[in-house]
Amino acid sequence: MSNMLARRFRFPTRRFPANDRPATPSPSPSRIDNWRRSTKPALIDLLQQIAGDKGAIPAQIALAWVLAQKPWFVPIPGTTKPDRLEENQGALDVNLTIDDVQRIEAAAAQVEGGRVPEQFTPMLGR
C-alpha cells in the first residue's frame, strides 16, 4: 500500500541548475555558531563561566535563566537525542542566584542582531 501511495503523490522539489545556485551560502551549523560567537561573545563567555562555577553546561544555565524569569515560563528546547534531553533536564537542578540572573540579563542586553545572520533570514521563510 505504501508503494501505491508513494507512486501516486509526487512532491514538488526546487532544483537549481549548476549555474543558477542561490546567492547565499547555506546556513551550516558551524557558520551560525561562528556568527553567534562573533556577535555575542560576552554572553557566551558569561554562560560558560557560570556553568563552570555551578558544574553545569551553558545550555543548562540558559534554560535555568528562562525558568528563573517567571514561575509560569516553560522553556521548550528541541532535541532528538535522549542524552540531550537528560542534559536539558539538568537545568532543573541549577540554582541561579539573583546576581547570576542580573549578570546574564546585563550581558543579554548588550547583544545585537537576530537569531541568525541577516542573509539567512529569507531561507527561514520570514
PDB file of N, CA and C in Angstrom:
ATOM      1  N   MET A   1       0.816  -1.194   0.000  1.00  0.00           N
ATOM      2  CA  MET A   1       0.000   0.000   0.000  1.00  0.00           C
ATOM      3  C   MET A   1       0.859   1.257   0.000  1.00  0.00           C
ATOM      4  N   SER A   2       1.954   1.253   0.764  1.00  0.00           N
ATOM      5  CA  SER A   2       2.774   2.461   0.813  1.00  0.00           C
ATOM      6  C   SER A   2       3.422   2.747  -0.530  1.00  0.00           C
ATOM      7  N   ASN A   3       3.767   1.711  -1.313  1.00  0.00           N
ATOM      8  CA  ASN A   3       4.311   1.946  -2.642  1.00  0.00           C
ATOM      9  C   ASN A   3       3.285   2.623  -3.535  1.00  0.00           C
ATOM     10  N   MET A   4       2.025   2.189  -3.413  1.00  0.00           N
ATOM     11  CA  MET A   4       0.974   2.788  -4.207  1.00  0.00           C
ATOM     12  C   MET A   4       0.836   4.276  -3.868  1.00  0.00           C
ATOM     13  N   LEU A   5       0.884   4.597  -2.576  1.00  0.00           N
ATOM     14  CA  LEU A   5       0.790   5.998  -2.182  1.00  0.00           C
ATOM     15  C   LEU A   5       1.998   6.784  -2.656  1.00  0.00           C
ATOM     16  N   ALA A   6       3.162   6.179  -2.553  1.00  0.00           N
ATOM     17  CA  ALA A   6       4.377   6.873  -2.972  1.00  0.00           C
ATOM     18  C   ALA A   6       4.352   7.170  -4.463  1.00  0.00           C
ATOM     19  N   ARG A   7       3.835   6.235  -5.255  1.00  0.00           N
ATOM     20  CA  ARG A   7       3.770   6.463  -6.698  1.00  0.00           C
ATOM     21  C   ARG A   7       2.696   7.480  -7.065  1.00  0.00           C
ATOM     22  N   ARG A   8       1.632   7.515  -6.288  1.00  0.00           N
ATOM     23  CA  ARG A   8       0.516   8.398  -6.614  1.00  0.00           C
ATOM     24  C   ARG A   8       0.840   9.862  -6.336  1.00  0.00           C
ATOM     25  N   PHE A   9       1.555  10.125  -5.249  1.00  0.00           N
ATOM     26  CA  PHE A   9       1.826  11.504  -4.859  1.00  0.00           C
ATOM     27  C   PHE A   9       3.255  11.876  -5.210  1.00  0.00           C
ATOM     28  N   ARG A  10       3.401  12.948  -5.906  1.00  0.00           N
ATOM     29  CA  ARG A  10       4.725  13.475  -6.238  1.00  0.00           C
ATOM     30  C   ARG A  10       4.838  14.851  -5.597  1.00  0.00           C
ATOM     31  N   PHE A  11       5.847  15.013  -4.812  1.00  0.00           N
ATOM     32  CA  PHE A  11       6.038  16.283  -4.142  1.00  0.00           C
ATOM     33  C   PHE A  11       6.962  17.156  -4.962  1.00  0.00           C
ATOM     34  N   PRO A  12       6.605  18.415  -5.144  1.00  0.00           N
ATOM     35  CA  PRO A  12       7.472  19.292  -5.942  1.00  0.00           C
ATOM     36  C   PRO A  12       8.796  19.526  -5.219  1.00  0.00           C
ATOM     37  N   THR A  13       9.835  19.566  -5.995  1.00  0.00           N
ATOM     38  CA  THR A  13      11.155  19.865  -5.434  1.00  0.00           C
ATOM     39  C   THR A  13      11.707  21.078  -6.153  1.00  0.00           C
ATOM     40  N   ARG A  14      12.467  21.826  -5.441  1.00  0.00           N
ATOM     41  CA  ARG A  14      13.078  23.021  -6.030  1.00  0.00           C
ATOM     42  C   ARG A  14      14.525  22.672  -6.346  1.00  0.00           C
ATOM     43  N   ARG A  15      14.857  22.679  -7.595  1.00  0.00           N
ATOM     44  CA  ARG A  15      16.213  22.345  -8.010  1.00  0.00           C
ATOM     45  C   ARG A  15      16.843  23.547  -8.691  1.00  0.00           C
ATOM     46  N   PHE A  16      18.119  23.682  -8.478  1.00  0.00           N
ATOM     47  CA  PHE A  16      18.863  24.769  -9.091  1.00  0.00           C
ATOM     48  C   PHE A  16      19.857  24.182 -10.081  1.00  0.00           C
ATOM     49  N   PRO A  17      19.845  24.636 -11.313  1.00  0.00           N
ATOM     50  CA  PRO A  17      20.882  24.193 -12.244  1.00  0.00           C
ATOM     51  C   PRO A  17      22.253  24.603 -11.695  1.00  0.00           C
ATOM     52  N   ALA A  18      23.296  23.944 -12.169  1.00  0.00           N
ATOM     53  CA  ALA A  18      24.651  24.195 -11.657  1.00  0.00           C
ATOM     54  C   ALA A  18      25.038  25.664 -11.727  1.00  0.00           C
ATOM     55  N   ASN A  19      24.567  26.382 -12.740  1.00  0.00           N
ATOM     56  CA  ASN A  19      24.946  27.788 -12.882  1.00  0.00           C
ATOM     57  C   ASN A  19      23.916  28.748 -12.280  1.00  0.00           C
ATOM     58  N   ASP A  20      22.888  28.235 -11.606  1.00  0.00           N
ATOM     59  CA  ASP A  20      21.829  29.077 -11.057  1.00  0.00           C
ATOM     60  C   ASP A  20      21.625  28.771  -9.578  1.00  0.00           C
ATOM     61  N   ARG A  21      22.697  28.721  -8.826  1.00  0.00           N
ATOM     62  CA  ARG A  21      22.608  28.423  -7.400  1.00  0.00           C
ATOM     63  C   ARG A  21      22.180  29.665  -6.629  1.00  0.00           C
ATOM     64  N   PRO A  22      21.616  29.462  -5.459  1.00  0.00           N
ATOM     65  CA  PRO A  22      21.259  30.630  -4.651  1.00  0.00           C
ATOM     66  C   PRO A  22      22.505  31.455  -4.340  1.00  0.00           C
ATOM     67  N   ALA A  23      22.339  32.745  -4.238  1.00  0.00           N
ATOM     68  CA  ALA A  23      23.471  33.642  -3.998  1.00  0.00           C
ATOM     69  C   ALA A  23      24.025  33.499  -2.591  1.00  0.00           C
ATOM     70  N   THR A  24      23.197  33.080  -1.662  1.00  0.00           N
ATOM     71  CA  THR A  24      23.658  32.985  -0.273  1.00  0.00           C
ATOM     72  C   THR A  24      24.106  31.571   0.040  1.00  0.00           C
ATOM     73  N   PRO A  25      25.180  31.445   0.807  1.00  0.00           N
ATOM     74  CA  PRO A  25      25.620  30.109   1.197  1.00  0.00           C
ATOM     75  C   PRO A  25      24.628  29.486   2.172  1.00  0.00           C
ATOM     76  N   SER A  26      24.660  28.165   2.264  1.00  0.00           N
ATOM     77  CA  SER A  26      23.719  27.516   3.171  1.00  0.00           C
ATOM     78  C   SER A  26      24.110  27.780   4.623  1.00  0.00           C
ATOM     79  N   PRO A  27      23.113  27.878   5.516  1.00  0.00           N
ATOM     80  CA  PRO A  27      23.394  28.174   6.925  1.00  0.00           C
ATOM     81  C   PRO A  27      23.825  26.934   7.690  1.00  0.00           C
ATOM     82  N   SER A  28      25.053  26.484   7.459  1.00  0.00           N
ATOM     83  CA  SER A  28      25.535  25.303   8.170  1.00  0.00           C
ATOM     84  C   SER A  28      25.683  25.615   9.654  1.00  0.00           C
ATOM     85  N   PRO A  29      25.571  24.593  10.500  1.00  0.00           N
ATOM     86  CA  PRO A  29      25.681  24.834  11.949  1.00  0.00           C
ATOM     87  C   PRO A  29      26.975  25.531  12.345  1.00  0.00           C
ATOM     88  N   SER A  30      28.099  25.180  11.705  1.00  0.00           N
ATOM     89  CA  SER A  30      29.362  25.827  12.084  1.00  0.00           C
ATOM     90  C   SER A  30      29.377  27.296  11.696  1.00  0.00           C
ATOM     91  N   ARG A  31      28.768  27.645  10.568  1.00  0.00           N
ATOM     92  CA  ARG A  31      28.722  29.061  10.168  1.00  0.00           C
ATOM     93  C   ARG A  31      27.896  29.867  11.171  1.00  0.00           C
ATOM     94  N   ILE A  32      26.757  29.305  11.582  1.00  0.00           N
ATOM     95  CA  ILE A  32      25.896  30.019  12.521  1.00  0.00           C
ATOM     96  C   ILE A  32      26.564  30.089  13.892  1.00  0.00           C
ATOM     97  N   ASP A  33      27.227  29.017  14.330  1.00  0.00           N
ATOM     98  CA  ASP A  33      27.941  29.050  15.606  1.00  0.00           C
ATOM     99  C   ASP A  33      29.046  30.096  15.594  1.00  0.00           C
ATOM    100  N   ASN A  34      29.784  30.180  14.491  1.00  0.00           N
ATOM    101  CA  ASN A  34      30.839  31.208  14.383  1.00  0.00           C
ATOM    102  C   ASN A  34      30.230  32.601  14.433  1.00  0.00           C
ATOM    103  N   TRP A  35      29.075  32.783  13.791  1.00  0.00           N
ATOM    104  CA  TRP A  35      28.416  34.090  13.817  1.00  0.00           C
ATOM    105  C   TRP A  35      27.959  34.427  15.236  1.00  0.00           C
ATOM    106  N   ARG A  36      27.369  33.449  15.925  1.00  0.00           N
ATOM    107  CA  ARG A  36      26.919  33.689  17.293  1.00  0.00           C
ATOM    108  C   ARG A  36      28.086  34.103  18.175  1.00  0.00           C
ATOM    109  N   ARG A  37      29.204  33.395  18.037  1.00  0.00           N
ATOM    110  CA  ARG A  37      30.372  33.708  18.865  1.00  0.00           C
ATOM    111  C   ARG A  37      30.879  35.102  18.546  1.00  0.00           C
ATOM    112  N   SER A  38      30.820  35.528  17.294  1.00  0.00           N
ATOM    113  CA  SER A  38      31.350  36.844  16.947  1.00  0.00           C
ATOM    114  C   SER A  38      30.413  37.976  17.373  1.00  0.00           C
ATOM    115  N   THR A  39      29.110  37.717  17.478  1.00  0.00           N
ATOM    116  CA  THR A  39      28.177  38.785  17.836  1.00  0.00           C
ATOM    117  C   THR A  39      27.750  38.763  19.297  1.00  0.00           C
ATOM    118  N   LYS A  40      28.000  37.665  19.979  1.00  0.00           N
ATOM    119  CA  LYS A  40      27.540  37.519  21.356  1.00  0.00           C
ATOM    120  C   LYS A  40      28.635  36.994  22.284  1.00  0.00           C
ATOM    121  N   PRO A  41      29.885  37.443  22.142  1.00  0.00           N
ATOM    122  CA  PRO A  41      30.965  36.829  22.938  1.00  0.00           C
ATOM    123  C   PRO A  41      30.809  37.018  24.438  1.00  0.00           C
ATOM    124  N   ALA A  42      30.363  38.176  24.877  1.00  0.00           N
ATOM    125  CA  ALA A  42      30.255  38.414  26.318  1.00  0.00           C
ATOM    126  C   ALA A  42      29.208  37.497  26.947  1.00  0.00           C
ATOM    127  N   LEU A  43      28.092  37.324  26.293  1.00  0.00           N
ATOM    128  CA  LEU A  43      27.033  36.461  26.816  1.00  0.00           C
ATOM    129  C   LEU A  43      27.494  35.002  26.844  1.00  0.00           C
ATOM    130  N   ILE A  44      28.098  34.554  25.760  1.00  0.00           N
ATOM    131  CA  ILE A  44      28.564  33.167  25.697  1.00  0.00           C
ATOM    132  C   ILE A  44      29.630  32.918  26.758  1.00  0.00           C
ATOM    133  N   ASP A  45      30.575  33.842  26.887  1.00  0.00           N
ATOM    134  CA  ASP A  45      31.624  33.680  27.902  1.00  0.00           C
ATOM    135  C   ASP A  45      31.041  33.654  29.307  1.00  0.00           C
ATOM    136  N   LEU A  46      30.056  34.507  29.568  1.00  0.00           N
ATOM    137  CA  LEU A  46      29.425  34.541  30.887  1.00  0.00           C
ATOM    138  C   LEU A  46      28.685  33.237  31.179  1.00  0.00           C
ATOM    139  N   LEU A  47      27.932  32.734  30.210  1.00  0.00           N
ATOM    140  CA  LEU A  47      27.223  31.464  30.408  1.00  0.00           C
ATOM    141  C   LEU A  47      28.211  30.334  30.682  1.00  0.00           C
ATOM    142  N   GLN A  48      29.336  30.335  29.974  1.00  0.00           N
ATOM    143  CA  GLN A  48      30.350  29.306  30.202  1.00  0.00           C
ATOM    144  C   GLN A  48      30.969  29.452  31.592  1.00  0.00           C
ATOM    145  N   GLN A  49      31.201  30.693  32.030  1.00  0.00           N
ATOM    146  CA  GLN A  49      31.788  30.922  33.353  1.00  0.00           C
ATOM    147  C   GLN A  49      30.838  30.453  34.456  1.00  0.00           C
ATOM    148  N   ILE A  50      29.579  30.856  34.365  1.00  0.00           N
ATOM    149  CA  ILE A  50      28.591  30.459  35.380  1.00  0.00           C
ATOM    150  C   ILE A  50      28.423  28.935  35.366  1.00  0.00           C
ATOM    151  N   ALA A  51      28.412  28.351  34.178  1.00  0.00           N
ATOM    152  CA  ALA A  51      28.282  26.895  34.072  1.00  0.00           C
ATOM    153  C   ALA A  51      29.454  26.205  34.763  1.00  0.00           C
ATOM    154  N   GLY A  52      30.660  26.707  34.551  1.00  0.00           N
ATOM    155  CA  GLY A  52      31.825  26.132  35.213  1.00  0.00           C
ATOM    156  C   GLY A  52      31.746  26.248  36.722  1.00  0.00           C
ATOM    157  N   ASP A  53      31.272  27.392  37.203  1.00  0.00           N
ATOM    158  CA  ASP A  53      31.140  27.603  38.647  1.00  0.00           C
ATOM    159  C   ASP A  53      30.107  26.663  39.269  1.00  0.00           C
ATOM    160  N   LYS A  54      29.096  26.309  38.518  1.00  0.00           N
ATOM    161  CA  LYS A  54      27.991  25.508  39.059  1.00  0.00           C
ATOM    162  C   LYS A  54      28.064  24.038  38.657  1.00  0.00           C
ATOM    163  N   GLY A  55      29.107  23.645  37.920  1.00  0.00           N
ATOM    164  CA  GLY A  55      29.229  22.265  37.480  1.00  0.00           C
ATOM    165  C   GLY A  55      28.151  21.880  36.488  1.00  0.00           C
ATOM    166  N   ALA A  56      27.797  22.808  35.616  1.00  0.00           N
ATOM    167  CA  ALA A  56      26.744  22.586  34.625  1.00  0.00           C
ATOM    168  C   ALA A  56      27.316  22.875  33.248  1.00  0.00           C
ATOM    169  N   ILE A  57      26.467  22.834  32.247  1.00  0.00           N
ATOM    170  CA  ILE A  57      26.870  23.220  30.901  1.00  0.00           C
ATOM    171  C   ILE A  57      26.114  24.502  30.541  1.00  0.00           C
ATOM    172  N   PRO A  58      26.626  25.287  29.584  1.00  0.00           N
ATOM    173  CA  PRO A  58      25.971  26.561  29.236  1.00  0.00           C
ATOM    174  C   PRO A  58      24.495  26.425  28.869  1.00  0.00           C
ATOM    175  N   ALA A  59      24.122  25.352  28.187  1.00  0.00           N
ATOM    176  CA  ALA A  59      22.709  25.177  27.822  1.00  0.00           C
ATOM    177  C   ALA A  59      21.833  25.061  29.063  1.00  0.00           C
ATOM    178  N   GLN A  60      22.333  24.387  30.097  1.00  0.00           N
ATOM    179  CA  GLN A  60      21.572  24.262  31.340  1.00  0.00           C
ATOM    180  C   GLN A  60      21.427  25.625  32.016  1.00  0.00           C
ATOM    181  N   ILE A  61      22.473  26.441  31.940  1.00  0.00           N
ATOM    182  CA  ILE A  61      22.400  27.781  32.531  1.00  0.00           C
ATOM    183  C   ILE A  61      21.368  28.616  31.785  1.00  0.00           C
ATOM    184  N   ALA A  62      21.365  28.529  30.462  1.00  0.00           N
ATOM    185  CA  ALA A  62      20.390  29.292  29.668  1.00  0.00           C
ATOM    186  C   ALA A  62      18.962  28.860  30.006  1.00  0.00           C
ATOM    187  N   LEU A  63      18.738  27.559  30.117  1.00  0.00           N
ATOM    188  CA  LEU A  63      17.400  27.071  30.468  1.00  0.00           C
ATOM    189  C   LEU A  63      17.023  27.466  31.901  1.00  0.00           C
ATOM    190  N   ALA A  64      17.988  27.393  32.809  1.00  0.00           N
ATOM    191  CA  ALA A  64      17.721  27.792  34.198  1.00  0.00           C
ATOM    192  C   ALA A  64      17.378  29.277  34.264  1.00  0.00           C
ATOM    193  N   TRP A  65      18.010  30.080  33.415  1.00  0.00           N
ATOM    194  CA  TRP A  65      17.707  31.526  33.377  1.00  0.00           C
ATOM    195  C   TRP A  65      16.257  31.744  32.937  1.00  0.00           C
ATOM    196  N   VAL A  66      15.812  31.006  31.917  1.00  0.00           N
ATOM    197  CA  VAL A  66      14.413  31.130  31.481  1.00  0.00           C
ATOM    198  C   VAL A  66      13.481  30.731  32.624  1.00  0.00           C
ATOM    199  N   LEU A  67      13.797  29.626  33.289  1.00  0.00           N
ATOM    200  CA  LEU A  67      12.964  29.167  34.411  1.00  0.00           C
ATOM    201  C   LEU A  67      12.928  30.186  35.548  1.00  0.00           C
ATOM    202  N   ALA A  68      14.009  30.953  35.708  1.00  0.00           N
ATOM    203  CA  ALA A  68      14.081  31.931  36.795  1.00  0.00           C
ATOM    204  C   ALA A  68      13.278  33.206  36.502  1.00  0.00           C
ATOM    205  N   GLN A  69      12.828  33.399  35.273  1.00  0.00           N
ATOM    206  CA  GLN A  69      12.139  34.634  34.907  1.00  0.00           C
ATOM    207  C   GLN A  69      10.785  34.773  35.597  1.00  0.00           C
ATOM    208  N   LYS A  70       9.937  33.822  35.405  1.00  0.00           N
ATOM    209  CA  LYS A  70       8.575  33.820  35.968  1.00  0.00           C
ATOM    210  C   LYS A  70       8.197  32.370  36.241  1.00  0.00           C
ATOM    211  N   PRO A  71       7.382  32.115  37.243  1.00  0.00           N
ATOM    212  CA  PRO A  71       7.027  30.721  37.540  1.00  0.00           C
ATOM    213  C   PRO A  71       6.228  30.052  36.423  1.00  0.00           C
ATOM    214  N   TRP A  72       5.586  30.819  35.575  1.00  0.00           N
ATOM    215  CA  TRP A  72       4.784  30.224  34.513  1.00  0.00           C
ATOM    216  C   TRP A  72       5.542  30.126  33.192  1.00  0.00           C
ATOM    217  N   PHE A  73       6.797  30.569  33.140  1.00  0.00           N
ATOM    218  CA  PHE A  73       7.608  30.405  31.932  1.00  0.00           C
ATOM    219  C   PHE A  73       8.069  28.953  31.847  1.00  0.00           C
ATOM    220  N   VAL A  74       7.886  28.353  30.687  1.00  0.00           N
ATOM    221  CA  VAL A  74       8.308  26.973  30.480  1.00  0.00           C
ATOM    222  C   VAL A  74       9.153  26.917  29.206  1.00  0.00           C
ATOM    223  N   PRO A  75      10.454  26.722  29.336  1.00  0.00           N
ATOM    224  CA  PRO A  75      11.271  26.600  28.120  1.00  0.00           C
ATOM    225  C   PRO A  75      10.968  25.280  27.435  1.00  0.00           C
ATOM    226  N   ILE A  76      10.958  25.298  26.124  1.00  0.00           N
ATOM    227  CA  ILE A  76      10.700  24.084  25.358  1.00  0.00           C
ATOM    228  C   ILE A  76      11.863  23.899  24.381  1.00  0.00           C
ATOM    229  N   PRO A  77      12.952  23.317  24.877  1.00  0.00           N
ATOM    230  CA  PRO A  77      14.090  23.100  23.973  1.00  0.00           C
ATOM    231  C   PRO A  77      13.808  21.917  23.051  1.00  0.00           C
ATOM    232  N   GLY A  78      14.197  22.055  21.811  1.00  0.00           N
ATOM    233  CA  GLY A  78      14.002  20.961  20.866  1.00  0.00           C
ATOM    234  C   GLY A  78      15.215  20.053  20.833  1.00  0.00           C
ATOM    235  N   THR A  79      14.977  18.772  20.848  1.00  0.00           N
ATOM    236  CA  THR A  79      16.064  17.811  20.730  1.00  0.00           C
ATOM    237  C   THR A  79      15.530  16.508  20.179  1.00  0.00           C
ATOM    238  N   THR A  80      16.405  15.772  19.532  1.00  0.00           N
ATOM    239  CA  THR A  80      16.036  14.449  19.034  1.00  0.00           C
ATOM    240  C   THR A  80      16.861  13.361  19.709  1.00  0.00           C
ATOM    241  N   LYS A  81      17.759  13.758  20.582  1.00  0.00           N
ATOM    242  CA  LYS A  81      18.655  12.794  21.218  1.00  0.00           C
ATOM    243  C   LYS A  81      18.341  12.659  22.708  1.00  0.00           C
ATOM    244  N   PRO A  82      18.163  11.445  23.196  1.00  0.00           N
ATOM    245  CA  PRO A  82      17.848  11.239  24.620  1.00  0.00           C
ATOM    246  C   PRO A  82      18.885  11.830  25.572  1.00  0.00           C
ATOM    247  N   ASP A  83      20.179  11.768  25.202  1.00  0.00           N
ATOM    248  CA  ASP A  83      21.196  12.310  26.109  1.00  0.00           C
ATOM    249  C   ASP A  83      21.093  13.828  26.217  1.00  0.00           C
ATOM    250  N   ARG A  84      20.675  14.498  25.146  1.00  0.00           N
ATOM    251  CA  ARG A  84      20.472  15.958  25.216  1.00  0.00           C
ATOM    252  C   ARG A  84      19.260  16.284  26.080  1.00  0.00           C
ATOM    253  N   LEU A  85      18.236  15.440  26.024  1.00  0.00           N
ATOM    254  CA  LEU A  85      17.062  15.629  26.869  1.00  0.00           C
ATOM    255  C   LEU A  85      17.455  15.540  28.338  1.00  0.00           C
ATOM    256  N   GLU A  86      18.298  14.569  28.667  1.00  0.00           N
ATOM    257  CA  GLU A  86      18.765  14.435  30.055  1.00  0.00           C
ATOM    258  C   GLU A  86      19.599  15.654  30.466  1.00  0.00           C
ATOM    259  N   GLU A  87      20.439  16.146  29.540  1.00  0.00           N
ATOM    260  CA  GLU A  87      21.210  17.360  29.841  1.00  0.00           C
ATOM    261  C   GLU A  87      20.273  18.531  30.123  1.00  0.00           C
ATOM    262  N   ASN A  88      19.240  18.678  29.272  1.00  0.00           N
ATOM    263  CA  ASN A  88      18.288  19.776  29.455  1.00  0.00           C
ATOM    264  C   ASN A  88      17.570  19.661  30.799  1.00  0.00           C
ATOM    265  N   GLN A  89      17.217  18.453  31.194  1.00  0.00           N
ATOM    266  CA  GLN A  89      16.548  18.263  32.482  1.00  0.00           C
ATOM    267  C   GLN A  89      17.444  18.673  33.639  1.00  0.00           C
ATOM    268  N   GLY A  90      18.753  18.612  33.431  1.00  0.00           N
ATOM    269  CA  GLY A  90      19.696  19.038  34.462  1.00  0.00           C
ATOM    270  C   GLY A  90      19.537  20.500  34.827  1.00  0.00           C
ATOM    271  N   ALA A  91      18.908  21.292  33.965  1.00  0.00           N
ATOM    272  CA  ALA A  91      18.671  22.709  34.265  1.00  0.00           C
ATOM    273  C   ALA A  91      17.770  22.875  35.481  1.00  0.00           C
ATOM    274  N   LEU A  92      16.949  21.874  35.745  1.00  0.00           N
ATOM    275  CA  LEU A  92      16.056  21.947  36.910  1.00  0.00           C
ATOM    276  C   LEU A  92      16.838  21.910  38.222  1.00  0.00           C
ATOM    277  N   ASP A  93      18.049  21.361  38.185  1.00  0.00           N
ATOM    278  CA  ASP A  93      18.878  21.269  39.389  1.00  0.00           C
ATOM    279  C   ASP A  93      19.821  22.461  39.562  1.00  0.00           C
ATOM    280  N   VAL A  94      19.832  23.363  38.595  1.00  0.00           N
ATOM    281  CA  VAL A  94      20.710  24.541  38.664  1.00  0.00           C
ATOM    282  C   VAL A  94      20.008  25.638  39.444  1.00  0.00           C
ATOM    283  N   ASN A  95      20.668  26.137  40.467  1.00  0.00           N
ATOM    284  CA  ASN A  95      20.122  27.240  41.255  1.00  0.00           C
ATOM    285  C   ASN A  95      20.907  28.510  40.947  1.00  0.00           C
ATOM    286  N   LEU A  96      20.283  29.398  40.194  1.00  0.00           N
ATOM    287  CA  LEU A  96      20.921  30.671  39.877  1.00  0.00           C
ATOM    288  C   LEU A  96      20.637  31.658  41.001  1.00  0.00           C
ATOM    289  N   THR A  97      21.664  32.415  41.361  1.00  0.00           N
ATOM    290  CA  THR A  97      21.466  33.463  42.354  1.00  0.00           C
ATOM    291  C   THR A  97      20.883  34.695  41.676  1.00  0.00           C
ATOM    292  N   ILE A  98      20.427  35.622  42.469  1.00  0.00           N
ATOM    293  CA  ILE A  98      19.925  36.880  41.906  1.00  0.00           C
ATOM    294  C   ILE A  98      21.036  37.566  41.131  1.00  0.00           C
ATOM    295  N   ASP A  99      22.254  37.499  41.658  1.00  0.00           N
ATOM    296  CA  ASP A  99      23.406  38.090  40.960  1.00  0.00           C
ATOM    297  C   ASP A  99      23.639  37.411  39.611  1.00  0.00           C
ATOM    298  N   ASP A 100      23.535  36.090  39.563  1.00  0.00           N
ATOM    299  CA  ASP A 100      23.696  35.368  38.291  1.00  0.00           C
ATOM    300  C   ASP A 100      22.677  35.858  37.271  1.00  0.00           C
ATOM    301  N   VAL A 101      21.419  35.922  37.680  1.00  0.00           N
ATOM    302  CA  VAL A 101      20.345  36.347  36.773  1.00  0.00           C
ATOM    303  C   VAL A 101      20.595  37.767  36.282  1.00  0.00           C
ATOM    304  N   GLN A 102      21.009  38.664  37.177  1.00  0.00           N
ATOM    305  CA  GLN A 102      21.267  40.050  36.784  1.00  0.00           C
ATOM    306  C   GLN A 102      22.444  40.150  35.826  1.00  0.00           C
ATOM    307  N   ARG A 103      23.485  39.353  36.060  1.00  0.00           N
ATOM    308  CA  ARG A 103      24.643  39.362  35.157  1.00  0.00           C
ATOM    309  C   ARG A 103      24.271  38.850  33.768  1.00  0.00           C
ATOM    310  N   ILE A 104      23.447  37.796  33.717  1.00  0.00           N
ATOM    311  CA  ILE A 104      23.010  37.264  32.420  1.00  0.00           C
ATOM    312  C   ILE A 104      22.149  38.297  31.698  1.00  0.00           C
ATOM    313  N   GLU A 105      21.243  38.934  32.420  1.00  0.00           N
ATOM    314  CA  GLU A 105      20.387  39.953  31.801  1.00  0.00           C
ATOM    315  C   GLU A 105      21.209  41.119  31.270  1.00  0.00           C
ATOM    316  N   ALA A 106      22.237  41.537  32.013  1.00  0.00           N
ATOM    317  CA  ALA A 106      23.089  42.643  31.567  1.00  0.00           C
ATOM    318  C   ALA A 106      23.854  42.245  30.304  1.00  0.00           C
ATOM    319  N   ALA A 107      24.371  41.029  30.261  1.00  0.00           N
ATOM    320  CA  ALA A 107      25.102  40.575  29.075  1.00  0.00           C
ATOM    321  C   ALA A 107      24.150  40.413  27.887  1.00  0.00           C
ATOM    322  N   ALA A 108      22.945  39.902  28.134  1.00  0.00           N
ATOM    323  CA  ALA A 108      21.970  39.718  27.054  1.00  0.00           C
ATOM    324  C   ALA A 108      21.529  41.063  26.482  1.00  0.00           C
ATOM    325  N   ALA A 109      21.472  42.093  27.315  1.00  0.00           N
ATOM    326  CA  ALA A 109      21.064  43.419  26.849  1.00  0.00           C
ATOM    327  C   ALA A 109      22.080  44.011  25.873  1.00  0.00           C
ATOM    328  N   GLN A 110      23.314  43.534  25.931  1.00  0.00           N
ATOM    329  CA  GLN A 110      24.362  44.045  25.052  1.00  0.00           C
ATOM    330  C   GLN A 110      24.391  43.344  23.691  1.00  0.00           C
ATOM    331  N   VAL A 111      23.617  42.288  23.540  1.00  0.00           N
ATOM    332  CA  VAL A 111      23.619  41.516  22.297  1.00  0.00           C
ATOM    333  C   VAL A 111      22.930  42.318  21.206  1.00  0.00           C
ATOM    334  N   GLU A 112      23.555  42.331  20.041  1.00  0.00           N
ATOM    335  CA  GLU A 112      22.964  43.000  18.886  1.00  0.00           C
ATOM    336  C   GLU A 112      22.699  41.964  17.810  1.00  0.00           C
ATOM    337  N   GLY A 113      21.670  42.194  17.031  1.00  0.00           N
ATOM    338  CA  GLY A 113      21.372  41.286  15.928  1.00  0.00           C
ATOM    339  C   GLY A 113      20.308  40.276  16.291  1.00  0.00           C
ATOM    340  N   GLY A 114      19.963  39.469  15.306  1.00  0.00           N
ATOM    341  CA  GLY A 114      18.914  38.479  15.469  1.00  0.00           C
ATOM    342  C   GLY A 114      19.457  37.114  15.826  1.00  0.00           C
ATOM    343  N   ARG A 115      18.606  36.111  15.659  1.00  0.00           N
ATOM    344  CA  ARG A 115      18.991  34.737  15.994  1.00  0.00           C
ATOM    345  C   ARG A 115      19.959  34.149  14.990  1.00  0.00           C
ATOM    346  N   VAL A 116      19.833  34.557  13.728  1.00  0.00           N
ATOM    347  CA  VAL A 116      20.709  34.056  12.672  1.00  0.00           C
ATOM    348  C   VAL A 116      21.233  35.243  11.876  1.00  0.00           C
ATOM    349  N   PRO A 117      22.317  35.056  11.123  1.00  0.00           N
ATOM    350  CA  PRO A 117      22.805  36.154  10.289  1.00  0.00           C
ATOM    351  C   PRO A 117      21.713  36.643   9.339  1.00  0.00           C
ATOM    352  N   GLU A 118      21.715  37.930   9.086  1.00  0.00           N
ATOM    353  CA  GLU A 118      20.651  38.554   8.293  1.00  0.00           C
ATOM    354  C   GLU A 118      20.489  37.918   6.918  1.00  0.00           C
ATOM    355  N   GLN A 119      21.597  37.505   6.276  1.00  0.00           N
ATOM    356  CA  GLN A 119      21.486  36.937   4.933  1.00  0.00           C
ATOM    357  C   GLN A 119      20.769  35.594   4.917  1.00  0.00           C
ATOM    358  N   PHE A 120      20.618  34.925   6.078  1.00  0.00           N
ATOM    359  CA  PHE A 120      19.929  33.647   6.135  1.00  0.00           C
ATOM    360  C   PHE A 120      18.446  33.787   6.441  1.00  0.00           C
ATOM    361  N   THR A 121      17.991  34.960   6.825  1.00  0.00           N
ATOM    362  CA  THR A 121      16.589  35.171   7.186  1.00  0.00           C
ATOM    363  C   THR A 121      15.628  34.772   6.076  1.00  0.00           C
ATOM    364  N   PRO A 122      15.904  35.108   4.797  1.00  0.00           N
ATOM    365  CA  PRO A 122      14.961  34.679   3.743  1.00  0.00           C
ATOM    366  C   PRO A 122      14.806  33.163   3.655  1.00  0.00           C
ATOM    367  N   MET A 123      15.830  32.426   4.042  1.00  0.00           N
ATOM    368  CA  MET A 123      15.754  30.960   3.973  1.00  0.00           C
ATOM    369  C   MET A 123      14.822  30.402   5.038  1.00  0.00           C
ATOM    370  N   LEU A 124      14.522  31.193   6.057  1.00  0.00           N
ATOM    371  CA  LEU A 124      13.662  30.734   7.142  1.00  0.00           C
ATOM    372  C   LEU A 124      12.197  30.972   6.845  1.00  0.00           C
ATOM    373  N   GLY A 125      11.908  31.618   5.716  1.00  0.00           N
ATOM    374  CA  GLY A 125      10.519  31.858   5.331  1.00  0.00           C
ATOM    375  C   GLY A 125       9.886  32.983   6.119  1.00  0.00           C
ATOM    376  N   ARG A 126      10.694  33.934   6.579  1.00  0.00           N
ATOM    377  CA  ARG A 126      10.144  35.043   7.353  1.00  0.00           C
ATOM    378  C   ARG A 126      10.323  36.335   6.619  1.00  0.00           C
TER     379      ARG A 126
END
